[in-house]
N, C-alpha and C. Protein backbone atom coordinates (compact mmCIF):
# COMPACT_ATOMS: atom_id res chain seq x y z
N MET A 1 -5.65 -5.68 4.41
CA MET A 1 -4.42 -6.45 4.17
C MET A 1 -3.22 -5.51 4.04
N LYS A 2 -2.08 -6.02 4.48
CA LYS A 2 -0.85 -5.26 4.35
C LYS A 2 -0.40 -5.26 2.89
N PHE A 3 0.03 -4.10 2.41
CA PHE A 3 0.54 -3.99 1.05
C PHE A 3 2.02 -3.61 1.10
N ILE A 4 2.84 -4.41 0.44
CA ILE A 4 4.28 -4.16 0.38
C ILE A 4 4.70 -4.05 -1.08
N LEU A 5 5.38 -2.96 -1.40
CA LEU A 5 5.93 -2.79 -2.75
C LEU A 5 7.41 -3.12 -2.72
N LEU A 6 7.86 -3.91 -3.69
CA LEU A 6 9.29 -4.16 -3.85
C LEU A 6 9.80 -3.32 -5.01
N THR A 7 11.01 -2.80 -4.87
CA THR A 7 11.62 -2.09 -5.99
C THR A 7 12.03 -3.10 -7.05
N PRO A 8 12.07 -2.69 -8.32
CA PRO A 8 12.60 -3.60 -9.34
C PRO A 8 14.09 -3.81 -9.11
N PRO A 9 14.60 -5.03 -9.35
CA PRO A 9 16.03 -5.28 -9.14
C PRO A 9 16.93 -4.34 -9.94
N LYS A 10 16.54 -4.05 -11.17
CA LYS A 10 17.27 -3.11 -12.01
C LYS A 10 16.55 -1.77 -11.99
N THR A 11 17.26 -0.71 -11.64
CA THR A 11 16.64 0.59 -11.47
C THR A 11 16.05 1.11 -12.77
N GLN A 12 14.83 1.63 -12.68
CA GLN A 12 14.12 2.17 -13.83
C GLN A 12 14.21 3.69 -13.86
N ALA A 13 13.92 4.26 -15.02
CA ALA A 13 13.91 5.71 -15.16
C ALA A 13 12.87 6.30 -14.22
N ASN A 14 13.24 7.39 -13.55
CA ASN A 14 12.34 8.12 -12.65
C ASN A 14 11.86 7.28 -11.46
N GLU A 15 12.60 6.25 -11.13
CA GLU A 15 12.16 5.37 -10.04
C GLU A 15 12.04 6.09 -8.71
N SER A 16 13.06 6.88 -8.35
CA SER A 16 13.01 7.57 -7.06
C SER A 16 11.90 8.61 -7.02
N THR A 17 11.66 9.28 -8.14
CA THR A 17 10.56 10.25 -8.21
C THR A 17 9.23 9.56 -7.98
N LEU A 18 9.06 8.41 -8.63
CA LEU A 18 7.83 7.65 -8.44
C LEU A 18 7.67 7.19 -6.99
N LEU A 19 8.76 6.74 -6.38
CA LEU A 19 8.66 6.26 -5.01
C LEU A 19 8.24 7.35 -4.05
N ASN A 20 8.81 8.53 -4.21
CA ASN A 20 8.40 9.64 -3.35
C ASN A 20 6.92 9.94 -3.53
N THR A 21 6.44 9.84 -4.77
CA THR A 21 5.01 10.06 -5.03
C THR A 21 4.18 8.93 -4.42
N PHE A 22 4.65 7.69 -4.55
CA PHE A 22 3.94 6.55 -3.97
C PHE A 22 3.76 6.74 -2.46
N PHE A 23 4.82 7.15 -1.79
CA PHE A 23 4.71 7.37 -0.35
C PHE A 23 3.70 8.48 -0.04
N GLU A 24 3.75 9.54 -0.83
CA GLU A 24 2.80 10.64 -0.63
C GLU A 24 1.35 10.16 -0.78
N LYS A 25 1.15 9.18 -1.65
CA LYS A 25 -0.20 8.69 -1.93
C LYS A 25 -0.63 7.55 -1.01
N GLY A 26 0.23 7.18 -0.06
CA GLY A 26 -0.21 6.21 0.93
C GLY A 26 0.59 4.93 1.06
N LEU A 27 1.66 4.74 0.28
CA LEU A 27 2.47 3.54 0.43
C LEU A 27 3.06 3.48 1.84
N GLN A 28 2.87 2.36 2.53
CA GLN A 28 3.31 2.24 3.91
C GLN A 28 4.60 1.44 4.07
N THR A 29 4.87 0.52 3.15
CA THR A 29 6.06 -0.32 3.28
C THR A 29 6.69 -0.56 1.92
N LEU A 30 7.99 -0.26 1.83
CA LEU A 30 8.77 -0.52 0.61
C LEU A 30 9.91 -1.45 0.97
N HIS A 31 10.07 -2.52 0.19
CA HIS A 31 11.24 -3.37 0.32
C HIS A 31 12.22 -2.97 -0.77
N LEU A 32 13.39 -2.50 -0.35
CA LEU A 32 14.42 -2.05 -1.29
C LEU A 32 15.21 -3.28 -1.73
N HIS A 33 14.94 -3.67 -2.97
CA HIS A 33 15.42 -4.95 -3.51
C HIS A 33 16.37 -4.66 -4.68
N LYS A 34 17.67 -4.52 -4.36
CA LYS A 34 18.69 -4.23 -5.38
C LYS A 34 19.86 -5.19 -5.18
N PRO A 35 19.72 -6.43 -5.63
CA PRO A 35 20.73 -7.45 -5.32
C PRO A 35 22.12 -7.17 -5.87
N ASP A 36 22.22 -6.33 -6.91
CA ASP A 36 23.54 -6.06 -7.49
C ASP A 36 24.18 -4.79 -6.94
N TYR A 37 23.48 -4.08 -6.07
CA TYR A 37 24.01 -2.82 -5.54
C TYR A 37 25.03 -3.09 -4.43
N ASN A 38 26.08 -2.27 -4.39
CA ASN A 38 26.97 -2.27 -3.24
C ASN A 38 26.50 -1.20 -2.25
N VAL A 39 27.23 -1.03 -1.16
CA VAL A 39 26.80 -0.12 -0.11
C VAL A 39 26.69 1.32 -0.63
N LEU A 40 27.67 1.77 -1.41
CA LEU A 40 27.63 3.14 -1.91
C LEU A 40 26.44 3.36 -2.83
N GLN A 41 26.14 2.39 -3.66
CA GLN A 41 24.98 2.52 -4.55
C GLN A 41 23.68 2.57 -3.75
N LEU A 42 23.59 1.78 -2.70
CA LEU A 42 22.42 1.83 -1.84
C LEU A 42 22.27 3.19 -1.20
N GLN A 43 23.37 3.74 -0.74
CA GLN A 43 23.33 5.05 -0.10
C GLN A 43 22.88 6.13 -1.08
N LYS A 44 23.39 6.08 -2.30
CA LYS A 44 22.99 7.05 -3.31
C LYS A 44 21.50 6.92 -3.63
N TYR A 45 21.04 5.69 -3.68
CA TYR A 45 19.63 5.44 -3.96
C TYR A 45 18.77 6.01 -2.85
N LEU A 46 19.13 5.73 -1.61
CA LEU A 46 18.37 6.23 -0.48
C LEU A 46 18.38 7.75 -0.40
N ASN A 47 19.47 8.36 -0.84
CA ASN A 47 19.57 9.81 -0.83
C ASN A 47 18.51 10.47 -1.72
N LYS A 48 18.00 9.72 -2.70
CA LYS A 48 17.01 10.27 -3.61
C LYS A 48 15.59 10.13 -3.07
N ILE A 49 15.45 9.43 -1.95
CA ILE A 49 14.14 9.26 -1.33
C ILE A 49 14.09 10.14 -0.09
N ASP A 50 13.06 10.95 0.03
CA ASP A 50 12.92 11.87 1.15
C ASP A 50 13.12 11.11 2.46
N THR A 51 13.95 11.67 3.35
CA THR A 51 14.29 10.98 4.60
C THR A 51 13.07 10.71 5.47
N LYS A 52 12.00 11.47 5.29
CA LYS A 52 10.81 11.22 6.12
C LYS A 52 10.17 9.86 5.80
N TRP A 53 10.53 9.31 4.62
CA TRP A 53 9.98 8.01 4.23
C TRP A 53 10.88 6.85 4.63
N HIS A 54 12.10 7.12 5.06
CA HIS A 54 13.05 6.05 5.36
C HIS A 54 12.55 5.05 6.40
N PRO A 55 11.79 5.47 7.43
CA PRO A 55 11.28 4.48 8.39
C PRO A 55 10.26 3.50 7.80
N LYS A 56 9.86 3.71 6.56
CA LYS A 56 8.94 2.80 5.88
C LYS A 56 9.68 1.85 4.94
N ILE A 57 11.01 1.90 4.96
CA ILE A 57 11.82 1.12 4.01
C ILE A 57 12.52 -0.04 4.71
N VAL A 58 12.41 -1.22 4.09
CA VAL A 58 13.10 -2.42 4.55
C VAL A 58 14.12 -2.79 3.49
N LEU A 59 15.37 -2.97 3.89
CA LEU A 59 16.44 -3.33 2.95
C LEU A 59 16.53 -4.84 2.82
N HIS A 60 16.64 -5.31 1.58
CA HIS A 60 16.93 -6.73 1.37
C HIS A 60 18.42 -6.95 1.56
N ALA A 61 18.76 -7.94 2.34
CA ALA A 61 20.15 -8.19 2.71
C ALA A 61 20.79 -9.17 1.74
N TYR A 62 21.88 -8.75 1.14
CA TYR A 62 22.64 -9.61 0.24
C TYR A 62 24.11 -9.55 0.64
N PRO A 63 24.87 -10.62 0.41
CA PRO A 63 26.28 -10.60 0.79
C PRO A 63 27.04 -9.44 0.19
N SER A 64 26.67 -9.02 -1.03
CA SER A 64 27.41 -7.96 -1.71
C SER A 64 27.16 -6.58 -1.12
N ASN A 65 26.09 -6.41 -0.34
CA ASN A 65 25.82 -5.06 0.14
C ASN A 65 25.63 -4.92 1.64
N LEU A 66 25.35 -6.01 2.34
CA LEU A 66 25.09 -5.88 3.77
C LEU A 66 25.90 -6.84 4.63
N ALA A 67 26.96 -7.39 4.10
CA ALA A 67 27.80 -8.27 4.91
C ALA A 67 28.44 -7.48 6.04
N ALA A 68 28.82 -8.16 7.10
CA ALA A 68 29.30 -7.49 8.30
C ALA A 68 30.54 -6.63 8.05
N HIS A 69 31.34 -6.99 7.06
CA HIS A 69 32.55 -6.22 6.79
C HIS A 69 32.25 -4.99 5.92
N HIS A 70 30.96 -4.75 5.60
CA HIS A 70 30.55 -3.56 4.86
C HIS A 70 29.48 -2.82 5.65
N PRO A 71 29.83 -2.28 6.84
CA PRO A 71 28.81 -1.59 7.63
C PRO A 71 28.26 -0.38 6.88
N LEU A 72 26.97 -0.18 6.98
CA LEU A 72 26.35 0.98 6.36
C LEU A 72 26.53 2.18 7.28
N ASN A 73 26.60 3.36 6.68
CA ASN A 73 26.84 4.54 7.51
C ASN A 73 25.52 5.19 7.94
N ASP A 74 25.60 6.42 8.41
CA ASP A 74 24.44 7.06 9.03
C ASP A 74 23.27 7.28 8.09
N ILE A 75 23.48 7.17 6.78
CA ILE A 75 22.38 7.40 5.85
C ILE A 75 21.24 6.41 6.09
N THR A 76 21.56 5.27 6.67
CA THR A 76 20.54 4.24 6.89
C THR A 76 20.03 4.23 8.34
N ALA A 77 20.34 5.26 9.10
CA ALA A 77 20.01 5.26 10.53
C ALA A 77 18.52 5.09 10.80
N ASN A 78 17.69 5.60 9.91
CA ASN A 78 16.25 5.56 10.15
C ASN A 78 15.52 4.45 9.39
N ILE A 79 16.27 3.57 8.72
CA ILE A 79 15.65 2.48 7.98
C ILE A 79 14.93 1.55 8.96
N LYS A 80 13.78 1.03 8.55
CA LYS A 80 12.98 0.17 9.43
C LYS A 80 13.73 -1.09 9.84
N GLY A 81 14.43 -1.72 8.89
CA GLY A 81 15.14 -2.95 9.20
C GLY A 81 15.53 -3.68 7.93
N ILE A 82 15.81 -4.98 8.07
CA ILE A 82 16.26 -5.75 6.91
C ILE A 82 15.38 -6.98 6.70
N HIS A 83 15.33 -7.40 5.45
CA HIS A 83 14.66 -8.63 5.04
C HIS A 83 15.73 -9.64 4.67
N LEU A 84 15.56 -10.88 5.11
CA LEU A 84 16.52 -11.93 4.78
C LEU A 84 16.01 -12.76 3.62
N PRO A 85 16.60 -12.61 2.43
CA PRO A 85 16.27 -13.56 1.36
C PRO A 85 16.59 -14.98 1.82
N GLU A 86 15.94 -15.93 1.21
CA GLU A 86 16.05 -17.32 1.66
C GLU A 86 17.50 -17.79 1.73
N ARG A 87 18.29 -17.47 0.71
CA ARG A 87 19.67 -17.96 0.68
C ARG A 87 20.49 -17.37 1.82
N VAL A 88 20.28 -16.09 2.11
CA VAL A 88 21.02 -15.45 3.20
C VAL A 88 20.67 -16.11 4.53
N ARG A 89 19.37 -16.38 4.73
CA ARG A 89 18.95 -17.03 5.98
C ARG A 89 19.51 -18.44 6.08
N MET A 90 19.42 -19.21 5.01
CA MET A 90 19.83 -20.61 5.05
C MET A 90 21.33 -20.77 5.22
N GLU A 91 22.11 -19.85 4.68
CA GLU A 91 23.56 -19.94 4.77
C GLU A 91 24.11 -19.22 5.99
N ALA A 92 23.19 -18.63 6.80
CA ALA A 92 23.59 -17.94 8.03
C ALA A 92 24.70 -16.93 7.77
N MET A 93 24.53 -16.12 6.73
CA MET A 93 25.55 -15.14 6.36
C MET A 93 25.61 -14.02 7.40
N PRO A 94 26.80 -13.46 7.64
CA PRO A 94 26.93 -12.40 8.64
C PRO A 94 26.22 -11.13 8.19
N LEU A 95 25.55 -10.50 9.14
CA LEU A 95 24.80 -9.29 8.86
C LEU A 95 25.11 -8.24 9.92
N PRO A 96 24.90 -6.97 9.60
CA PRO A 96 25.10 -5.93 10.62
C PRO A 96 24.16 -6.15 11.80
N ASP A 97 24.64 -5.86 13.00
CA ASP A 97 23.78 -6.06 14.17
C ASP A 97 22.96 -4.82 14.51
N LYS A 98 23.12 -3.75 13.72
CA LYS A 98 22.42 -2.51 14.04
C LYS A 98 20.97 -2.50 13.55
N PHE A 99 20.62 -3.45 12.67
CA PHE A 99 19.28 -3.46 12.09
C PHE A 99 18.40 -4.54 12.68
N LYS A 100 17.13 -4.21 12.81
CA LYS A 100 16.14 -5.20 13.19
C LYS A 100 15.83 -6.07 11.97
N ILE A 101 15.73 -7.38 12.16
CA ILE A 101 15.32 -8.26 11.07
C ILE A 101 13.80 -8.26 11.03
N ILE A 102 13.25 -7.90 9.89
CA ILE A 102 11.81 -7.72 9.75
C ILE A 102 11.13 -8.97 9.19
N SER A 103 11.74 -9.57 8.17
CA SER A 103 11.04 -10.64 7.44
C SER A 103 12.05 -11.55 6.76
N THR A 104 11.52 -12.66 6.22
CA THR A 104 12.34 -13.58 5.44
C THR A 104 11.45 -14.26 4.40
N SER A 105 12.07 -14.95 3.46
CA SER A 105 11.35 -15.53 2.31
C SER A 105 11.36 -17.05 2.34
N PHE A 106 10.26 -17.61 1.79
CA PHE A 106 10.15 -19.06 1.64
C PHE A 106 9.57 -19.39 0.27
N HIS A 107 9.91 -20.60 -0.22
CA HIS A 107 9.35 -21.10 -1.47
C HIS A 107 8.69 -22.46 -1.31
N TYR A 108 8.70 -22.97 -0.06
CA TYR A 108 8.04 -24.24 0.24
C TYR A 108 7.21 -24.07 1.50
N LEU A 109 5.96 -24.53 1.46
CA LEU A 109 5.07 -24.35 2.59
C LEU A 109 5.57 -25.08 3.84
N LYS A 110 6.17 -26.26 3.66
CA LYS A 110 6.65 -27.00 4.83
C LYS A 110 7.74 -26.22 5.55
N ASP A 111 8.58 -25.50 4.81
CA ASP A 111 9.63 -24.70 5.44
C ASP A 111 9.03 -23.49 6.14
N LEU A 112 8.04 -22.88 5.52
CA LEU A 112 7.37 -21.74 6.14
C LEU A 112 6.73 -22.14 7.47
N LEU A 113 6.05 -23.29 7.47
CA LEU A 113 5.36 -23.72 8.68
C LEU A 113 6.33 -24.15 9.78
N ALA A 114 7.55 -24.49 9.40
CA ALA A 114 8.56 -24.89 10.39
C ALA A 114 9.41 -23.71 10.86
N CYS A 115 9.11 -22.52 10.37
CA CYS A 115 9.94 -21.34 10.66
C CYS A 115 9.99 -21.04 12.15
N GLU A 116 11.18 -20.70 12.62
CA GLU A 116 11.39 -20.22 13.98
C GLU A 116 12.20 -18.94 13.90
N GLY A 117 11.91 -17.99 14.74
CA GLY A 117 12.66 -16.74 14.72
C GLY A 117 11.74 -15.57 14.97
N GLU A 118 12.33 -14.41 15.15
CA GLU A 118 11.56 -13.20 15.43
C GLU A 118 11.38 -12.41 14.13
N TYR A 119 10.25 -12.61 13.49
CA TYR A 119 9.92 -11.92 12.25
C TYR A 119 8.55 -11.25 12.39
N GLU A 120 8.40 -10.12 11.73
CA GLU A 120 7.09 -9.46 11.70
C GLU A 120 6.16 -10.16 10.71
N TYR A 121 6.75 -10.68 9.61
CA TYR A 121 5.97 -11.39 8.61
C TYR A 121 6.90 -12.21 7.74
N LEU A 122 6.30 -13.16 7.00
CA LEU A 122 7.05 -14.03 6.10
C LEU A 122 6.52 -13.88 4.68
N PHE A 123 7.40 -14.05 3.70
CA PHE A 123 7.00 -14.08 2.29
C PHE A 123 6.90 -15.53 1.81
N ILE A 124 5.91 -15.82 0.98
CA ILE A 124 5.86 -17.09 0.24
C ILE A 124 5.57 -16.78 -1.21
N SER A 125 6.27 -17.47 -2.11
CA SER A 125 6.07 -17.21 -3.54
C SER A 125 6.54 -18.40 -4.37
N PRO A 126 6.02 -18.47 -5.61
CA PRO A 126 4.99 -17.64 -6.24
C PRO A 126 3.60 -18.26 -6.07
N ILE A 127 2.65 -17.43 -5.66
CA ILE A 127 1.30 -17.97 -5.47
C ILE A 127 0.48 -17.91 -6.76
N PHE A 128 0.83 -17.00 -7.66
CA PHE A 128 0.26 -16.98 -9.01
C PHE A 128 1.42 -16.90 -9.99
N ASN A 129 1.14 -16.99 -11.28
CA ASN A 129 2.20 -16.86 -12.28
C ASN A 129 2.80 -15.46 -12.20
N SER A 130 4.11 -15.40 -12.11
CA SER A 130 4.80 -14.14 -11.91
C SER A 130 4.60 -13.19 -13.09
N ILE A 131 4.49 -11.91 -12.77
CA ILE A 131 4.41 -10.86 -13.79
C ILE A 131 5.82 -10.42 -14.20
N SER A 132 6.74 -10.36 -13.24
CA SER A 132 8.08 -9.81 -13.50
C SER A 132 9.09 -10.85 -13.96
N LYS A 133 8.84 -12.13 -13.65
CA LYS A 133 9.79 -13.19 -14.00
C LYS A 133 9.14 -14.16 -14.97
N GLN A 134 9.55 -14.09 -16.23
CA GLN A 134 8.97 -14.96 -17.24
C GLN A 134 9.23 -16.43 -16.91
N GLY A 135 8.18 -17.25 -16.97
CA GLY A 135 8.33 -18.66 -16.71
C GLY A 135 8.29 -19.06 -15.24
N TYR A 136 8.12 -18.08 -14.35
CA TYR A 136 8.06 -18.34 -12.91
C TYR A 136 6.60 -18.58 -12.57
N GLN A 137 6.22 -19.86 -12.56
CA GLN A 137 4.81 -20.25 -12.48
C GLN A 137 4.35 -20.49 -11.04
N ALA A 138 3.03 -20.35 -10.85
CA ALA A 138 2.43 -20.63 -9.54
C ALA A 138 2.88 -21.99 -9.04
N ALA A 139 3.25 -22.05 -7.76
CA ALA A 139 3.87 -23.27 -7.22
C ALA A 139 2.99 -24.03 -6.24
N PHE A 140 1.77 -23.54 -6.00
CA PHE A 140 0.96 -24.13 -4.95
C PHE A 140 -0.49 -24.32 -5.40
N GLU A 141 -1.14 -25.32 -4.81
CA GLU A 141 -2.58 -25.46 -4.94
C GLU A 141 -3.23 -24.49 -3.96
N LEU A 142 -4.34 -23.88 -4.35
CA LEU A 142 -4.99 -22.89 -3.49
C LEU A 142 -5.42 -23.50 -2.16
N ASP A 143 -5.91 -24.73 -2.18
CA ASP A 143 -6.32 -25.38 -0.93
C ASP A 143 -5.14 -25.55 0.02
N ASP A 144 -3.97 -25.85 -0.52
CA ASP A 144 -2.78 -26.00 0.31
C ASP A 144 -2.36 -24.67 0.92
N LEU A 145 -2.49 -23.60 0.13
CA LEU A 145 -2.18 -22.27 0.65
C LEU A 145 -3.12 -21.91 1.80
N ALA A 146 -4.41 -22.14 1.60
CA ALA A 146 -5.39 -21.81 2.64
C ALA A 146 -5.10 -22.58 3.92
N ASP A 147 -4.76 -23.84 3.79
CA ASP A 147 -4.44 -24.66 4.96
C ASP A 147 -3.21 -24.12 5.67
N ALA A 148 -2.17 -23.77 4.90
CA ALA A 148 -0.94 -23.25 5.50
C ALA A 148 -1.18 -21.92 6.19
N MET A 149 -2.02 -21.07 5.60
CA MET A 149 -2.29 -19.77 6.22
C MET A 149 -3.00 -19.95 7.56
N SER A 150 -3.84 -20.96 7.65
CA SER A 150 -4.57 -21.20 8.90
C SER A 150 -3.65 -21.75 9.99
N ARG A 151 -2.51 -22.32 9.58
CA ARG A 151 -1.61 -22.95 10.55
C ARG A 151 -0.35 -22.15 10.83
N SER A 152 -0.08 -21.13 10.04
CA SER A 152 1.16 -20.38 10.23
C SER A 152 1.15 -19.59 11.54
N LYS A 153 2.30 -19.58 12.21
CA LYS A 153 2.45 -18.82 13.45
C LYS A 153 2.71 -17.34 13.15
N TYR A 154 2.97 -17.03 11.90
CA TYR A 154 3.32 -15.67 11.50
C TYR A 154 2.32 -15.13 10.49
N PRO A 155 2.18 -13.81 10.39
CA PRO A 155 1.48 -13.24 9.25
C PRO A 155 2.26 -13.57 7.98
N VAL A 156 1.56 -13.95 6.92
CA VAL A 156 2.24 -14.35 5.68
C VAL A 156 1.84 -13.41 4.55
N ILE A 157 2.85 -12.99 3.80
CA ILE A 157 2.68 -12.10 2.65
C ILE A 157 2.81 -12.94 1.38
N GLY A 158 1.79 -12.93 0.54
CA GLY A 158 1.82 -13.65 -0.71
C GLY A 158 2.44 -12.83 -1.82
N MET A 159 3.30 -13.46 -2.60
CA MET A 159 3.95 -12.79 -3.73
C MET A 159 3.83 -13.65 -4.98
N GLY A 160 4.00 -12.98 -6.13
CA GLY A 160 3.98 -13.67 -7.41
C GLY A 160 2.66 -13.48 -8.12
N GLY A 161 2.68 -12.67 -9.16
CA GLY A 161 1.49 -12.48 -9.99
C GLY A 161 0.37 -11.69 -9.35
N ILE A 162 0.71 -10.85 -8.38
CA ILE A 162 -0.32 -10.08 -7.68
C ILE A 162 -0.79 -8.92 -8.55
N ALA A 163 -2.09 -8.91 -8.83
CA ALA A 163 -2.73 -7.83 -9.57
C ALA A 163 -4.08 -7.57 -8.91
N ALA A 164 -4.75 -6.49 -9.34
CA ALA A 164 -6.01 -6.08 -8.69
C ALA A 164 -7.04 -7.21 -8.70
N ASP A 165 -7.09 -7.98 -9.78
CA ASP A 165 -8.11 -9.03 -9.87
C ASP A 165 -7.79 -10.26 -9.01
N LYS A 166 -6.62 -10.26 -8.37
CA LYS A 166 -6.23 -11.37 -7.50
C LYS A 166 -6.39 -11.04 -6.01
N MET A 167 -6.65 -9.79 -5.69
CA MET A 167 -6.63 -9.35 -4.30
C MET A 167 -7.67 -10.07 -3.44
N GLN A 168 -8.87 -10.25 -3.94
CA GLN A 168 -9.90 -10.91 -3.15
C GLN A 168 -9.55 -12.38 -2.92
N ILE A 169 -8.96 -13.01 -3.92
CA ILE A 169 -8.55 -14.41 -3.77
C ILE A 169 -7.52 -14.52 -2.64
N VAL A 170 -6.54 -13.62 -2.67
CA VAL A 170 -5.49 -13.64 -1.65
C VAL A 170 -6.09 -13.45 -0.25
N LYS A 171 -7.01 -12.52 -0.15
CA LYS A 171 -7.67 -12.26 1.13
C LYS A 171 -8.44 -13.49 1.60
N ASP A 172 -9.19 -14.11 0.68
CA ASP A 172 -9.99 -15.28 1.03
C ASP A 172 -9.12 -16.47 1.45
N LEU A 173 -7.91 -16.54 0.93
CA LEU A 173 -7.00 -17.63 1.30
C LEU A 173 -6.43 -17.45 2.71
N GLY A 174 -6.56 -16.26 3.26
CA GLY A 174 -6.09 -16.02 4.62
C GLY A 174 -4.75 -15.34 4.74
N PHE A 175 -4.22 -14.83 3.62
CA PHE A 175 -2.96 -14.11 3.67
C PHE A 175 -3.11 -12.81 4.46
N ALA A 176 -2.03 -12.41 5.13
CA ALA A 176 -2.03 -11.16 5.87
C ALA A 176 -1.78 -9.96 4.97
N GLY A 177 -1.26 -10.22 3.78
CA GLY A 177 -0.97 -9.13 2.86
C GLY A 177 -0.36 -9.64 1.57
N VAL A 178 0.03 -8.70 0.73
CA VAL A 178 0.63 -9.02 -0.56
C VAL A 178 1.92 -8.23 -0.76
N GLY A 179 2.83 -8.84 -1.50
CA GLY A 179 4.04 -8.17 -1.95
C GLY A 179 3.96 -8.05 -3.46
N VAL A 180 4.20 -6.86 -3.97
CA VAL A 180 4.02 -6.59 -5.40
C VAL A 180 5.29 -6.00 -5.99
N LEU A 181 5.64 -6.51 -7.17
CA LEU A 181 6.78 -5.98 -7.92
C LEU A 181 6.31 -5.66 -9.35
N GLY A 182 6.22 -6.67 -10.19
CA GLY A 182 5.87 -6.45 -11.59
C GLY A 182 4.50 -5.84 -11.79
N GLY A 183 3.56 -6.16 -10.90
CA GLY A 183 2.21 -5.63 -11.04
C GLY A 183 2.15 -4.13 -11.07
N VAL A 184 3.10 -3.48 -10.39
CA VAL A 184 3.18 -2.01 -10.39
C VAL A 184 4.20 -1.52 -11.41
N TRP A 185 5.41 -2.06 -11.34
CA TRP A 185 6.51 -1.50 -12.12
C TRP A 185 6.39 -1.79 -13.61
N GLN A 186 5.66 -2.82 -14.00
CA GLN A 186 5.47 -3.10 -15.41
C GLN A 186 4.14 -2.55 -15.94
N SER A 187 3.44 -1.83 -15.09
CA SER A 187 2.19 -1.19 -15.52
C SER A 187 2.49 0.05 -16.34
N ASP A 188 1.64 0.34 -17.31
CA ASP A 188 1.77 1.58 -18.09
C ASP A 188 1.43 2.80 -17.23
N THR A 189 0.66 2.58 -16.17
CA THR A 189 0.27 3.66 -15.27
C THR A 189 0.53 3.21 -13.83
N PRO A 190 1.80 3.19 -13.41
CA PRO A 190 2.14 2.61 -12.11
C PRO A 190 1.46 3.29 -10.93
N LEU A 191 1.28 4.60 -10.97
CA LEU A 191 0.63 5.28 -9.84
C LEU A 191 -0.82 4.87 -9.72
N GLU A 192 -1.53 4.80 -10.85
CA GLU A 192 -2.94 4.40 -10.81
C GLU A 192 -3.07 2.94 -10.37
N THR A 193 -2.15 2.11 -10.82
CA THR A 193 -2.15 0.71 -10.41
C THR A 193 -1.92 0.59 -8.92
N LEU A 194 -0.96 1.34 -8.40
CA LEU A 194 -0.69 1.32 -6.96
C LEU A 194 -1.93 1.72 -6.18
N LYS A 195 -2.60 2.77 -6.61
CA LYS A 195 -3.80 3.22 -5.90
C LYS A 195 -4.86 2.14 -5.86
N GLN A 196 -5.02 1.41 -6.96
CA GLN A 196 -6.02 0.33 -7.01
C GLN A 196 -5.68 -0.77 -5.99
N LEU A 197 -4.39 -1.04 -5.85
CA LEU A 197 -3.96 -2.14 -4.99
C LEU A 197 -3.99 -1.81 -3.51
N ILE A 198 -3.73 -0.55 -3.15
CA ILE A 198 -3.65 -0.22 -1.73
C ILE A 198 -4.96 0.27 -1.17
N LEU A 199 -5.97 0.48 -1.99
CA LEU A 199 -7.27 0.94 -1.47
C LEU A 199 -8.00 -0.20 -0.80
């Protein structure tokens, strides 16, 4: 299964150091999720991550940081592409044309199954009770998820409450992979947790 790590929305101590280590240990895809960052803050953040890892990074697109009137400079030249959060996709917000669109998010299975567009994969959440968002509860019956996975035209990434003890369930449901945020970043031993999840 594909494993995707999302950065915490609010930057944590030693975050960039950990990310460089995560990549060294086998992390293949990082979604850079900083909704409050502007372009300069994104650039500074990326500067702290070894450029050899930049092709493994997908930027989440928000009006405050990736709108067409805020073109990113050469620091992002090697970034894999952008992810469209649901609101950005639904409101058809202007985005830079220099990036490939990699993925987008859904919170309803009917919308996911009706998706049209060129995406490598889709996110659906929350499939379990969220670790990072208090009160963000599982939104689907497992049978409904399994049915949707069998009918989706796209590979689907499950998010929400992903931990090591949930990985087999996710695989059995037919998901193409998992997206993890709190399961790693709220762990007392994030590197060891990451290793458990990507093995």
